[in-house]
Amino acid sequence: MKYADSGVDIDAATRALARSREHVRSTWDARVRNEIGAFGGLFQAAPGEPLLVASVDGVGTKVMVAVQAGRYDTVGQDLVNHCVDDILVQGAEPLFFLDYFATARLDENVLPQVLAGFAQACRENGCALLGGETAEMPGVYRDGEFDLAGTIVGRVLPEHVIDGSAMRAGDRVWGLPSTGLHTNGYSLARKALLERGGLSVADTPAILGGATVGDALLAVHRSYLPHVRAIWEACGRPAVRALAHITGGGFPDNIPRVVPDGLCVHVDPTAWEPLPVFRLIAETGGVAGPEMYRVFNMGIGMVVVTPPDCDLGTVPGLDAVLIGEVRPGPRKVALPWSGDA
């Protein structure tokens, strides 16, 4: 079973975006300080000012699991934390967040729970929930359905931008554990577990150790802001040479976004144990290993590249796992099945 079997074609999206690059670039001037494909957009309003970093995202079909489980506070937290992680990759800390909530017909019991989740995560990340938009669109959505999107703006000093350019052969590659699927791969997860597997969100497969399917699928997306701050405090900012948020596209698509030409991040999947929910998806849906690592984070939500003399295992309160190293090579990421690991 592949992601495309659930209706999502990552390769088609990549091709479509590639065809649109020149349209995007036609709007840029010297104030834009990033390349297309970065996790967040960098913008300097005037020389000498900090860079503003912006990103927009959604939580995908995780909202459908929330509807089935009747739990609506977690997806708001997911969206804020996802956006925080996307701008953190470039060294930015959040300033404010804006939300968009769309539904067929407004349920007065659902919206407050979603907004409470937004507010909780904004408080925890130290950013303001500045405003948002609520839209009722019967005909676009079916009754009981809703969708979420969010935009975050943060800032970073130019000298503190993380772009991977400092990466060198011999650098260590660390993984910061995830809490679950975070906000990606839910179309495949739902197809594998709830449709093909015949499970419900209330079922408790033995592999989940007493947790329900709903618990595992709705586990809140982790914010890595406090963890990266801990690294900066313990090791200094230069110790973080690159960060990659493992979101849609998994390891093969996200790590290359921060790797300079001529270098390759070699990842050893045996360095950590995937979370039980990923094993359940693979076994129930018959999803092969390479596809799992292309779609899901597999238990590692953020990848951190440091100099070889930096040991994140000694940073207090940090549960970092050494998962690989940087070597010379033409490919920007290598896993055992890619032929050059």
C-alpha atoms as a PDB file:
ATOM      1  CA  MET A   1       0.000   0.000   0.000  1.00  0.00           C
ATOM      2  CA  LYS A   2       1.292   3.465  -0.926  1.00  0.00           C
ATOM      3  CA  TYR A   3       0.350   7.045  -0.071  1.00  0.00           C
ATOM      4  CA  ALA A   4      -1.068   7.466  -3.574  1.00  0.00           C
ATOM      5  CA  ASP A   5      -3.560   4.667  -2.794  1.00  0.00           C
ATOM      6  CA  SER A   6      -5.142   7.003  -0.241  1.00  0.00           C
ATOM      7  CA  GLY A   7      -5.489   9.786  -2.799  1.00  0.00           C
ATOM      8  CA  VAL A   8      -2.317  11.768  -2.043  1.00  0.00           C
ATOM      9  CA  ASP A   9       0.412  12.043  -4.685  1.00  0.00           C
ATOM     10  CA  ILE A  10       3.517  13.737  -3.236  1.00  0.00           C
ATOM     11  CA  ASP A  11       5.386  13.565  -6.550  1.00  0.00           C
ATOM     12  CA  ALA A  12       2.572  15.292  -8.457  1.00  0.00           C
ATOM     13  CA  ALA A  13       2.556  18.108  -5.898  1.00  0.00           C
ATOM     14  CA  THR A  14       6.332  18.480  -6.241  1.00  0.00           C
ATOM     15  CA  ARG A  15       6.086  18.683 -10.027  1.00  0.00           C
ATOM     16  CA  ALA A  16       3.257  21.231  -9.900  1.00  0.00           C
ATOM     17  CA  LEU A  17       5.167  23.457  -7.483  1.00  0.00           C
ATOM     18  CA  ALA A  18       8.288  23.254  -9.657  1.00  0.00           C
ATOM     19  CA  ARG A  19       6.264  24.578 -12.602  1.00  0.00           C
ATOM     20  CA  SER A  20       5.135  27.535 -10.481  1.00  0.00           C
ATOM     21  CA  ARG A  21       8.564  28.698  -9.287  1.00  0.00           C
ATOM     22  CA  GLU A  22       8.913  31.564 -11.741  1.00  0.00           C
ATOM     23  CA  HIS A  23       5.484  32.930 -10.870  1.00  0.00           C
ATOM     24  CA  VAL A  24       6.558  33.054  -7.239  1.00  0.00           C
ATOM     25  CA  ARG A  25       9.964  34.583  -7.976  1.00  0.00           C
ATOM     26  CA  SER A  26       8.361  37.315 -10.076  1.00  0.00           C
ATOM     27  CA  THR A  27       7.001  38.868  -6.855  1.00  0.00           C
ATOM     28  CA  TRP A  28      10.365  38.980  -5.058  1.00  0.00           C
ATOM     29  CA  ASP A  29      12.795  41.832  -4.521  1.00  0.00           C
ATOM     30  CA  ALA A  30      15.939  42.264  -2.420  1.00  0.00           C
ATOM     31  CA  ARG A  31      13.931  42.087   0.812  1.00  0.00           C
ATOM     32  CA  VAL A  32      13.257  38.353   0.321  1.00  0.00           C
ATOM     33  CA  ARG A  33      16.145  36.457   1.877  1.00  0.00           C
ATOM     34  CA  ASN A  34      15.389  32.781   1.224  1.00  0.00           C
ATOM     35  CA  GLU A  35      15.150  30.327  -1.634  1.00  0.00           C
ATOM     36  CA  ILE A  36      12.028  28.476  -2.763  1.00  0.00           C
ATOM     37  CA  GLY A  37      11.647  25.264  -0.808  1.00  0.00           C
ATOM     38  CA  ALA A  38      12.679  26.641   2.581  1.00  0.00           C
ATOM     39  CA  PHE A  39      10.543  25.738   5.582  1.00  0.00           C
ATOM     40  CA  GLY A  40       9.692  29.412   6.134  1.00  0.00           C
ATOM     41  CA  GLY A  41       9.936  32.632   4.145  1.00  0.00           C
ATOM     42  CA  LEU A  42      12.575  35.182   5.232  1.00  0.00           C
ATOM     43  CA  PHE A  43      11.820  38.879   4.741  1.00  0.00           C
ATOM     44  CA  GLN A  44      13.832  41.918   5.832  1.00  0.00           C
ATOM     45  CA  ALA A  45      11.678  45.047   5.798  1.00  0.00           C
ATOM     46  CA  ALA A  46      14.685  47.396   5.945  1.00  0.00           C
ATOM     47  CA  PRO A  47      18.489  47.056   6.117  1.00  0.00           C
ATOM     48  CA  GLY A  48      19.746  46.408   9.640  1.00  0.00           C
ATOM     49  CA  GLU A  49      16.393  45.118  10.937  1.00  0.00           C
ATOM     50  CA  PRO A  50      15.773  41.549  12.160  1.00  0.00           C
ATOM     51  CA  LEU A  51      14.378  39.169   9.580  1.00  0.00           C
ATOM     52  CA  LEU A  52      10.709  38.286   9.721  1.00  0.00           C
ATOM     53  CA  VAL A  53      10.049  34.576   9.160  1.00  0.00           C
ATOM     54  CA  ALA A  54       6.604  33.425   8.049  1.00  0.00           C
ATOM     55  CA  SER A  55       5.000  30.060   7.377  1.00  0.00           C
ATOM     56  CA  VAL A  56       1.504  28.747   6.673  1.00  0.00           C
ATOM     57  CA  ASP A  57       0.189  25.208   7.097  1.00  0.00           C
ATOM     58  CA  GLY A  58      -2.729  22.981   8.028  1.00  0.00           C
ATOM     59  CA  VAL A  59      -3.276  19.740   9.921  1.00  0.00           C
ATOM     60  CA  GLY A  60      -4.607  17.815   6.934  1.00  0.00           C
ATOM     61  CA  THR A  61      -7.087  15.006   7.411  1.00  0.00           C
ATOM     62  CA  LYS A  62      -6.207  14.720  11.087  1.00  0.00           C
ATOM     63  CA  VAL A  63      -9.350  16.838  11.522  1.00  0.00           C
ATOM     64  CA  MET A  64     -11.381  13.832  10.313  1.00  0.00           C
ATOM     65  CA  VAL A  65      -9.951  11.709  13.119  1.00  0.00           C
ATOM     66  CA  ALA A  66     -10.852  14.478  15.560  1.00  0.00           C
ATOM     67  CA  VAL A  67     -14.439  14.420  14.294  1.00  0.00           C
ATOM     68  CA  GLN A  68     -14.643  10.636  14.655  1.00  0.00           C
ATOM     69  CA  ALA A  69     -13.225  10.796  18.180  1.00  0.00           C
ATOM     70  CA  GLY A  70     -15.281  13.845  19.181  1.00  0.00           C
ATOM     71  CA  ARG A  71     -12.111  15.601  20.443  1.00  0.00           C
ATOM     72  CA  TYR A  72     -11.404  19.043  19.080  1.00  0.00           C
ATOM     73  CA  ASP A  73      -8.864  20.760  21.349  1.00  0.00           C
ATOM     74  CA  THR A  74      -5.762  18.872  20.177  1.00  0.00           C
ATOM     75  CA  VAL A  75      -5.834  19.870  16.487  1.00  0.00           C
ATOM     76  CA  GLY A  76      -5.525  23.545  17.409  1.00  0.00           C
ATOM     77  CA  GLN A  77      -2.382  22.780  19.406  1.00  0.00           C
ATOM     78  CA  ASP A  78      -1.086  20.684  16.505  1.00  0.00           C
ATOM     79  CA  LEU A  79      -1.336  23.543  14.061  1.00  0.00           C
ATOM     80  CA  VAL A  80       0.428  26.117  16.220  1.00  0.00           C
ATOM     81  CA  ASN A  81       3.244  23.736  17.152  1.00  0.00           C
ATOM     82  CA  HIS A  82       3.713  22.641  13.540  1.00  0.00           C
ATOM     83  CA  CYS A  83       4.078  26.253  12.413  1.00  0.00           C
ATOM     84  CA  VAL A  84       6.449  27.057  15.301  1.00  0.00           C
ATOM     85  CA  ASP A  85       8.673  24.147  14.246  1.00  0.00           C
ATOM     86  CA  ASP A  86       8.687  25.252  10.616  1.00  0.00           C
ATOM     87  CA  ILE A  87      10.144  28.687  11.398  1.00  0.00           C
ATOM     88  CA  LEU A  88      12.380  27.303  14.154  1.00  0.00           C
ATOM     89  CA  VAL A  89      14.253  25.405  11.433  1.00  0.00           C
ATOM     90  CA  GLN A  90      15.689  28.759  10.314  1.00  0.00           C
ATOM     91  CA  GLY A  91      16.494  29.889  13.846  1.00  0.00           C
ATOM     92  CA  ALA A  92      13.387  32.013  14.362  1.00  0.00           C
ATOM     93  CA  GLU A  93      11.232  32.365  17.444  1.00  0.00           C
ATOM     94  CA  PRO A  94       7.505  33.082  17.097  1.00  0.00           C
ATOM     95  CA  LEU A  95       5.842  36.481  17.417  1.00  0.00           C
ATOM     96  CA  PHE A  96       2.193  35.878  16.488  1.00  0.00           C
ATOM     97  CA  PHE A  97      -0.205  33.380  14.935  1.00  0.00           C
ATOM     98  CA  LEU A  98      -3.352  33.715  12.803  1.00  0.00           C
ATOM     99  CA  ASP A  99      -5.904  30.956  12.297  1.00  0.00           C
ATOM    100  CA  TYR A 100      -8.454  30.012   9.647  1.00  0.00           C
ATOM    101  CA  PHE A 101     -11.404  27.756  10.526  1.00  0.00           C
ATOM    102  CA  ALA A 102     -13.724  26.608   7.728  1.00  0.00           C
ATOM    103  CA  THR A 103     -16.787  24.398   8.031  1.00  0.00           C
ATOM    104  CA  ALA A 104     -20.108  23.582   6.401  1.00  0.00           C
ATOM    105  CA  ARG A 105     -22.145  24.824   9.340  1.00  0.00           C
ATOM    106  CA  LEU A 106     -20.739  26.330  12.530  1.00  0.00           C
ATOM    107  CA  ASP A 107     -21.099  24.126  15.592  1.00  0.00           C
ATOM    108  CA  GLU A 108     -20.996  26.354  18.652  1.00  0.00           C
ATOM    109  CA  ASN A 109     -19.546  23.494  20.711  1.00  0.00           C
ATOM    110  CA  VAL A 110     -16.682  22.692  18.341  1.00  0.00           C
ATOM    111  CA  LEU A 111     -15.176  26.104  17.548  1.00  0.00           C
ATOM    112  CA  PRO A 112     -14.464  27.076  21.192  1.00  0.00           C
ATOM    113  CA  GLN A 113     -12.578  23.794  21.727  1.00  0.00           C
ATOM    114  CA  VAL A 114     -10.443  24.373  18.635  1.00  0.00           C
ATOM    115  CA  LEU A 115      -9.721  27.964  19.671  1.00  0.00           C
ATOM    116  CA  ALA A 116      -8.825  26.797  23.171  1.00  0.00           C
ATOM    117  CA  GLY A 117      -6.205  24.530  21.597  1.00  0.00           C
ATOM    118  CA  PHE A 118      -4.824  27.422  19.554  1.00  0.00           C
ATOM    119  CA  ALA A 119      -4.621  29.581  22.667  1.00  0.00           C
ATOM    120  CA  GLN A 120      -2.965  26.909  24.814  1.00  0.00           C
ATOM    121  CA  ALA A 121      -0.197  26.277  22.287  1.00  0.00           C
ATOM    122  CA  CYS A 122       0.326  29.994  21.686  1.00  0.00           C
ATOM    123  CA  ARG A 123       0.770  30.550  25.426  1.00  0.00           C
ATOM    124  CA  GLU A 124       3.203  27.632  25.661  1.00  0.00           C
ATOM    125  CA  ASN A 125       5.266  28.959  22.731  1.00  0.00           C
ATOM    126  CA  GLY A 126       5.166  32.581  23.842  1.00  0.00           C
ATOM    127  CA  CYS A 127       3.343  33.959  20.814  1.00  0.00           C
ATOM    128  CA  ALA A 128       0.150  35.975  20.481  1.00  0.00           C
ATOM    129  CA  LEU A 129      -2.999  34.579  18.888  1.00  0.00           C
ATOM    130  CA  LEU A 130      -3.461  37.780  16.953  1.00  0.00           C
ATOM    131  CA  GLY A 131      -6.640  37.011  15.059  1.00  0.00           C
ATOM    132  CA  GLY A 132      -8.245  34.729  12.541  1.00  0.00           C
ATOM    133  CA  GLU A 133     -11.104  33.975  10.180  1.00  0.00           C
ATOM    134  CA  THR A 134     -14.136  31.715  10.520  1.00  0.00           C
ATOM    135  CA  ALA A 135     -15.906  30.668   7.328  1.00  0.00           C
ATOM    136  CA  GLU A 136     -19.139  28.728   6.820  1.00  0.00           C
ATOM    137  CA  MET A 137     -19.218  27.108   3.378  1.00  0.00           C
ATOM    138  CA  PRO A 138     -22.049  24.604   2.945  1.00  0.00           C
ATOM    139  CA  GLY A 139     -21.524  22.710  -0.287  1.00  0.00           C
ATOM    140  CA  VAL A 140     -17.750  22.917  -0.040  1.00  0.00           C
ATOM    141  CA  TYR A 141     -17.758  20.888   3.173  1.00  0.00           C
ATOM    142  CA  ARG A 142     -20.250  18.267   4.306  1.00  0.00           C
ATOM    143  CA  ASP A 143     -22.141  18.650   7.578  1.00  0.00           C
ATOM    144  CA  GLY A 144     -19.901  17.903  10.534  1.00  0.00           C
ATOM    145  CA  GLU A 145     -16.684  18.532   8.591  1.00  0.00           C
ATOM    146  CA  PHE A 146     -14.209  21.355   9.185  1.00  0.00           C
ATOM    147  CA  ASP A 147     -10.730  22.375   8.105  1.00  0.00           C
ATOM    148  CA  LEU A 148      -7.945  24.360   9.724  1.00  0.00           C
ATOM    149  CA  ALA A 149      -5.062  26.462   8.481  1.00  0.00           C
ATOM    150  CA  GLY A 150      -2.704  28.793  10.277  1.00  0.00           C
ATOM    151  CA  THR A 151      -0.059  31.408   9.593  1.00  0.00           C
ATOM    152  CA  ILE A 152       2.822  32.216  11.905  1.00  0.00           C
ATOM    153  CA  VAL A 153       5.265  35.117  11.905  1.00  0.00           C
ATOM    154  CA  GLY A 154       8.494  35.110  13.871  1.00  0.00           C
ATOM    155  CA  ARG A 155      11.823  36.863  13.784  1.00  0.00           C
ATOM    156  CA  VAL A 156      15.536  36.097  13.771  1.00  0.00           C
ATOM    157  CA  LEU A 157      18.664  38.242  13.641  1.00  0.00           C
ATOM    158  CA  PRO A 158      20.481  37.890  10.296  1.00  0.00           C
ATOM    159  CA  GLU A 159      23.563  36.479  12.004  1.00  0.00           C
ATOM    160  CA  HIS A 160      21.452  33.806  13.708  1.00  0.00           C
ATOM    161  CA  VAL A 161      19.763  32.411  10.584  1.00  0.00           C
ATOM    162  CA  ILE A 162      20.185  28.638  10.262  1.00  0.00           C
ATOM    163  CA  ASP A 163      20.387  27.589   6.610  1.00  0.00           C
ATOM    164  CA  GLY A 164      22.640  24.521   6.576  1.00  0.00           C
ATOM    165  CA  SER A 165      25.540  26.348   4.918  1.00  0.00           C
ATOM    166  CA  ALA A 166      27.803  25.634   7.917  1.00  0.00           C
ATOM    167  CA  MET A 167      27.321  21.868   7.551  1.00  0.00           C
ATOM    168  CA  ARG A 168      30.505  19.846   7.022  1.00  0.00           C
ATOM    169  CA  ALA A 169      31.426  16.225   6.348  1.00  0.00           C
ATOM    170  CA  GLY A 170      31.858  14.452   9.677  1.00  0.00           C
ATOM    171  CA  ASP A 171      29.057  16.363  11.399  1.00  0.00           C
ATOM    172  CA  ARG A 172      26.756  14.426  13.691  1.00  0.00           C
ATOM    173  CA  VAL A 173      23.069  13.974  12.885  1.00  0.00           C
ATOM    174  CA  TRP A 174      20.668  13.812  15.828  1.00  0.00           C
ATOM    175  CA  GLY A 175      16.957  13.103  16.056  1.00  0.00           C
ATOM    176  CA  LEU A 176      14.502  14.637  18.507  1.00  0.00           C
ATOM    177  CA  PRO A 177      11.649  12.171  19.175  1.00  0.00           C
ATOM    178  CA  SER A 178       8.116  12.826  17.993  1.00  0.00           C
ATOM    179  CA  THR A 179       4.909  12.132  19.888  1.00  0.00           C
ATOM    180  CA  GLY A 180       3.253  10.355  16.965  1.00  0.00           C
ATOM    181  CA  LEU A 181       2.234  11.188  13.408  1.00  0.00           C
ATOM    182  CA  HIS A 182       2.231  14.916  14.244  1.00  0.00           C
ATOM    183  CA  THR A 183       0.298  16.438  11.309  1.00  0.00           C
ATOM    184  CA  ASN A 184       1.284  14.369   8.280  1.00  0.00           C
ATOM    185  CA  GLY A 185       0.315  11.124   6.607  1.00  0.00           C
ATOM    186  CA  TYR A 186      -3.230  10.919   7.957  1.00  0.00           C
ATOM    187  CA  SER A 187      -4.825   9.993   4.644  1.00  0.00           C
ATOM    188  CA  LEU A 188      -2.638   6.881   4.514  1.00  0.00           C
ATOM    189  CA  ALA A 189      -3.046   6.167   8.240  1.00  0.00           C
ATOM    190  CA  ARG A 190      -6.838   6.384   8.012  1.00  0.00           C
ATOM    191  CA  LYS A 191      -6.877   4.193   4.898  1.00  0.00           C
ATOM    192  CA  ALA A 192      -4.650   1.579   6.535  1.00  0.00           C
ATOM    193  CA  LEU A 193      -6.218   1.490  10.000  1.00  0.00           C
ATOM    194  CA  LEU A 194      -9.813   2.685   9.782  1.00  0.00           C
ATOM    195  CA  GLU A 195     -10.733   1.476   6.305  1.00  0.00           C
ATOM    196  CA  ARG A 196      -8.578  -1.492   5.310  1.00  0.00           C
ATOM    197  CA  GLY A 197      -7.899  -2.558   8.908  1.00  0.00           C
ATOM    198  CA  GLY A 198     -11.500  -2.131  10.045  1.00  0.00           C
ATOM    199  CA  LEU A 199     -10.424  -0.486  13.305  1.00  0.00           C
ATOM    200  CA  SER A 200     -12.284   2.320  15.049  1.00  0.00           C
ATOM    201  CA  VAL A 201     -10.867   5.221  17.032  1.00  0.00           C
ATOM    202  CA  ALA A 202     -12.091   3.499  20.215  1.00  0.00           C
ATOM    203  CA  ASP A 203     -10.253   0.203  19.578  1.00  0.00           C
ATOM    204  CA  THR A 204      -7.225  -0.688  21.718  1.00  0.00           C
ATOM    205  CA  PRO A 205      -4.839  -2.911  19.706  1.00  0.00           C
ATOM    206  CA  ALA A 206      -2.325  -4.688  21.917  1.00  0.00           C
ATOM    207  CA  ILE A 207       0.596  -3.009  20.151  1.00  0.00           C
ATOM    208  CA  LEU A 208      -0.559   0.378  21.490  1.00  0.00           C
ATOM    209  CA  GLY A 209      -0.200  -0.763  25.096  1.00  0.00           C
ATOM    210  CA  GLY A 210      -3.688   0.180  26.243  1.00  0.00           C
ATOM    211  CA  ALA A 211      -4.052   3.392  24.256  1.00  0.00           C
ATOM    212  CA  THR A 212      -6.880   3.704  21.765  1.00  0.00           C
ATOM    213  CA  VAL A 213      -6.358   4.205  18.052  1.00  0.00           C
ATOM    214  CA  GLY A 214      -7.798   7.690  18.556  1.00  0.00           C
ATOM    215  CA  ASP A 215      -5.275   8.430  21.322  1.00  0.00           C
ATOM    216  CA  ALA A 216      -2.382   7.410  19.094  1.00  0.00           C
ATOM    217  CA  LEU A 217      -3.597   9.321  16.042  1.00  0.00           C
ATOM    218  CA  LEU A 218      -4.498  12.490  17.965  1.00  0.00           C
ATOM    219  CA  ALA A 219      -1.256  12.735  19.982  1.00  0.00           C
ATOM    220  CA  VAL A 220      -0.330  16.430  19.908  1.00  0.00           C
ATOM    221  CA  HIS A 221       2.358  17.594  17.502  1.00  0.00           C
ATOM    222  CA  ARG A 222       5.438  18.407  19.565  1.00  0.00           C
ATOM    223  CA  SER A 223       6.905  21.907  19.671  1.00  0.00           C
ATOM    224  CA  TYR A 224      10.694  21.703  19.544  1.00  0.00           C
ATOM    225  CA  LEU A 225      11.220  25.328  20.556  1.00  0.00           C
ATOM    226  CA  PRO A 226      12.160  24.560  24.196  1.00  0.00           C
ATOM    227  CA  HIS A 227      14.435  21.724  23.066  1.00  0.00           C
ATOM    228  CA  VAL A 228      16.356  23.823  20.548  1.00  0.00           C
ATOM    229  CA  ARG A 229      16.593  26.635  23.086  1.00  0.00           C
ATOM    230  CA  ALA A 230      18.165  24.114  25.481  1.00  0.00           C
ATOM    231  CA  ILE A 231      20.761  23.238  22.823  1.00  0.00           C
ATOM    232  CA  TRP A 232      21.550  26.907  22.206  1.00  0.00           C
ATOM    233  CA  GLU A 233      21.923  27.521  25.928  1.00  0.00           C
ATOM    234  CA  ALA A 234      24.138  24.482  26.538  1.00  0.00           C
ATOM    235  CA  CYS A 235      26.229  24.501  23.368  1.00  0.00           C
ATOM    236  CA  GLY A 236      25.827  27.937  21.774  1.00  0.00           C
ATOM    237  CA  ARG A 237      23.985  28.857  18.594  1.00  0.00           C
ATOM    238  CA  PRO A 238      26.805  27.827  16.199  1.00  0.00           C
ATOM    239  CA  ALA A 239      26.428  24.244  17.464  1.00  0.00           C
ATOM    240  CA  VAL A 240      23.182  23.949  15.484  1.00  0.00           C
ATOM    241  CA  ARG A 241      24.366  23.806  11.888  1.00  0.00           C
ATOM    242  CA  ALA A 242      21.067  22.658  10.402  1.00  0.00           C
ATOM    243  CA  LEU A 243      17.541  21.726  11.430  1.00  0.00           C
ATOM    244  CA  ALA A 244      15.011  19.730   9.412  1.00  0.00           C
ATOM    245  CA  HIS A 245      11.381  19.421  10.467  1.00  0.00           C
ATOM    246  CA  ILE A 246      10.212  15.945   9.406  1.00  0.00           C
ATOM    247  CA  THR A 247       6.782  16.722   7.981  1.00  0.00           C
ATOM    248  CA  GLY A 248       5.097  15.771   4.699  1.00  0.00           C
ATOM    249  CA  GLY A 249       7.570  13.841   2.546  1.00  0.00           C
ATOM    250  CA  GLY A 250       9.274  12.274   5.561  1.00  0.00           C
ATOM    251  CA  PHE A 251      13.052  11.865   5.627  1.00  0.00           C
ATOM    252  CA  PRO A 252      13.731  11.768   1.845  1.00  0.00           C
ATOM    253  CA  ASP A 253      11.989  15.069   1.090  1.00  0.00           C
ATOM    254  CA  ASN A 254      12.683  17.209   4.177  1.00  0.00           C
ATOM    255  CA  ILE A 255      16.335  16.611   4.998  1.00  0.00           C
ATOM    256  CA  PRO A 256      17.562  17.660   1.512  1.00  0.00           C
ATOM    257  CA  ARG A 257      15.943  21.070   2.014  1.00  0.00           C
ATOM    258  CA  VAL A 258      18.785  22.057   4.373  1.00  0.00           C
ATOM    259  CA  VAL A 259      21.778  20.131   2.958  1.00  0.00           C
ATOM    260  CA  PRO A 260      24.382  21.928   0.786  1.00  0.00           C
ATOM    261  CA  ASP A 261      25.431  20.446  -2.556  1.00  0.00           C
ATOM    262  CA  GLY A 262      28.172  17.853  -2.267  1.00  0.00           C
ATOM    263  CA  LEU A 263      27.105  16.584   1.153  1.00  0.00           C
ATOM    264  CA  CYS A 264      24.830  13.705   2.157  1.00  0.00           C
ATOM    265  CA  VAL A 265      23.060  13.046   5.460  1.00  0.00           C
ATOM    266  CA  HIS A 266      23.268   9.316   6.143  1.00  0.00           C
ATOM    267  CA  VAL A 267      20.422   8.164   8.385  1.00  0.00           C
ATOM    268  CA  ASP A 268      20.514   4.877  10.290  1.00  0.00           C
ATOM    269  CA  PRO A 269      16.893   3.805  10.956  1.00  0.00           C
ATOM    270  CA  THR A 270      18.092   1.144  13.411  1.00  0.00           C
ATOM    271  CA  ALA A 271      19.319   3.890  15.768  1.00  0.00           C
ATOM    272  CA  TRP A 272      15.836   4.303  17.232  1.00  0.00           C
ATOM    273  CA  GLU A 273      12.667   2.277  17.667  1.00  0.00           C
ATOM    274  CA  PRO A 274       9.669   3.573  15.661  1.00  0.00           C
ATOM    275  CA  LEU A 275       6.626   4.347  17.791  1.00  0.00           C
ATOM    276  CA  PRO A 276       4.045   1.531  18.023  1.00  0.00           C
ATOM    277  CA  VAL A 277       1.502   3.455  15.945  1.00  0.00           C
ATOM    278  CA  PHE A 278       3.856   3.324  12.951  1.00  0.00           C
ATOM    279  CA  ARG A 279       4.326  -0.419  13.298  1.00  0.00           C
ATOM    280  CA  LEU A 280       0.542  -0.784  13.475  1.00  0.00           C
ATOM    281  CA  ILE A 281       0.092   1.217  10.263  1.00  0.00           C
ATOM    282  CA  ALA A 282       2.807  -0.740   8.436  1.00  0.00           C
ATOM    283  CA  GLU A 283       1.491  -4.143   9.503  1.00  0.00           C
ATOM    284  CA  THR A 284      -2.226  -3.409   9.093  1.00  0.00           C
ATOM    285  CA  GLY A 285      -1.899  -1.561   5.798  1.00  0.00           C
ATOM    286  CA  GLY A 286       0.945  -3.604   4.334  1.00  0.00           C
ATOM    287  CA  VAL A 287       3.043  -0.466   3.881  1.00  0.00           C
ATOM    288  CA  ALA A 288       6.695  -1.106   3.003  1.00  0.00           C
ATOM    289  CA  GLY A 289       9.586   0.472   4.906  1.00  0.00           C
ATOM    290  CA  PRO A 290      10.710   2.972   2.232  1.00  0.00           C
ATOM    291  CA  GLU A 291       7.129   4.246   1.865  1.00  0.00           C
ATOM    292  CA  MET A 292       6.748   4.590   5.647  1.00  0.00           C
ATOM    293  CA  TYR A 293       9.882   6.771   5.829  1.00  0.00           C
ATOM    294  CA  ARG A 294       8.704   8.821   2.825  1.00  0.00           C
ATOM    295  CA  VAL A 295       5.327   9.580   4.438  1.00  0.00           C
ATOM    296  CA  PHE A 296       5.812   9.571   8.228  1.00  0.00           C
ATOM    297  CA  ASN A 297       8.335  10.874  10.753  1.00  0.00           C
ATOM    298  CA  MET A 298       8.652   7.329  12.198  1.00  0.00           C
ATOM    299  CA  GLY A 299       9.276   8.691  15.697  1.00  0.00           C
ATOM    300  CA  ILE A 300      11.761  11.477  14.836  1.00  0.00           C
ATOM    301  CA  GLY A 301      10.127  14.879  14.417  1.00  0.00           C
ATOM    302  CA  MET A 302      13.173  17.133  14.162  1.00  0.00           C
ATOM    303  CA  VAL A 303      16.649  16.426  12.802  1.00  0.00           C
ATOM    304  CA  VAL A 304      19.567  18.424  14.224  1.00  0.00           C
ATOM    305  CA  VAL A 305      23.033  18.598  12.640  1.00  0.00           C
ATOM    306  CA  THR A 306      25.919  19.541  14.937  1.00  0.00           C
ATOM    307  CA  PRO A 307      29.736  19.563  14.794  1.00  0.00           C
ATOM    308  CA  PRO A 308      31.329  16.195  15.629  1.00  0.00           C
ATOM    309  CA  ASP A 309      32.488  17.419  19.063  1.00  0.00           C
ATOM    310  CA  CYS A 310      28.947  18.373  20.128  1.00  0.00           C
ATOM    311  CA  ASP A 311      27.183  15.706  22.203  1.00  0.00           C
ATOM    312  CA  LEU A 312      23.475  16.440  22.504  1.00  0.00           C
ATOM    313  CA  GLY A 313      23.160  13.380  24.733  1.00  0.00           C
ATOM    314  CA  THR A 314      24.658  15.466  27.549  1.00  0.00           C
ATOM    315  CA  VAL A 315      22.204  18.376  27.268  1.00  0.00           C
ATOM    316  CA  PRO A 316      19.953  18.347  30.371  1.00  0.00           C
ATOM    317  CA  GLY A 317      16.355  17.419  29.646  1.00  0.00           C
ATOM    318  CA  LEU A 318      17.005  16.671  25.976  1.00  0.00           C
ATOM    319  CA  ASP A 319      16.063  13.230  24.644  1.00  0.00           C
ATOM    320  CA  ALA A 320      18.187  13.443  21.496  1.00  0.00           C
ATOM    321  CA  VAL A 321      19.183  10.272  19.630  1.00  0.00           C
ATOM    322  CA  LEU A 322      22.274  10.002  17.415  1.00  0.00           C
ATOM    323  CA  ILE A 323      20.811   8.809  14.099  1.00  0.00           C
ATOM    324  CA  GLY A 324      23.553   9.376  11.540  1.00  0.00           C
ATOM    325  CA  GLU A 325      26.355  11.478  10.131  1.00  0.00           C
ATOM    326  CA  VAL A 326      27.193  13.823   7.266  1.00  0.00           C
ATOM    327  CA  ARG A 327      29.447  12.471   4.498  1.00  0.00           C
ATOM    328  CA  PRO A 328      30.519  13.685   1.071  1.00  0.00           C
ATOM    329  CA  GLY A 329      28.186  12.538  -1.680  1.00  0.00           C
ATOM    330  CA  PRO A 330      25.981  13.563  -4.616  1.00  0.00           C
ATOM    331  CA  ARG A 331      22.701  12.694  -2.896  1.00  0.00           C
ATOM    332  CA  LYS A 332      21.561  14.871  -0.001  1.00  0.00           C
ATOM    333  CA  VAL A 333      20.071  12.064   2.081  1.00  0.00           C
ATOM    334  CA  ALA A 334      20.735   8.345   2.226  1.00  0.00           C
ATOM    335  CA  LEU A 335      18.764   5.561   3.874  1.00  0.00           C
ATOM    336  CA  PRO A 336      19.696   1.849   3.687  1.00  0.00           C
ATOM    337  CA  TRP A 337      17.349   1.167   0.766  1.00  0.00           C
ATOM    338  CA  SER A 338      18.466   4.177  -1.303  1.00  0.00           C
ATOM    339  CA  GLY A 339      21.524   2.278  -2.525  1.00  0.00           C
ATOM    340  CA  ASP A 340      24.214   4.574  -1.148  1.00  0.00           C
ATOM    341  CA  ALA A 341      23.759   4.373   2.626  1.00  0.00           C
END
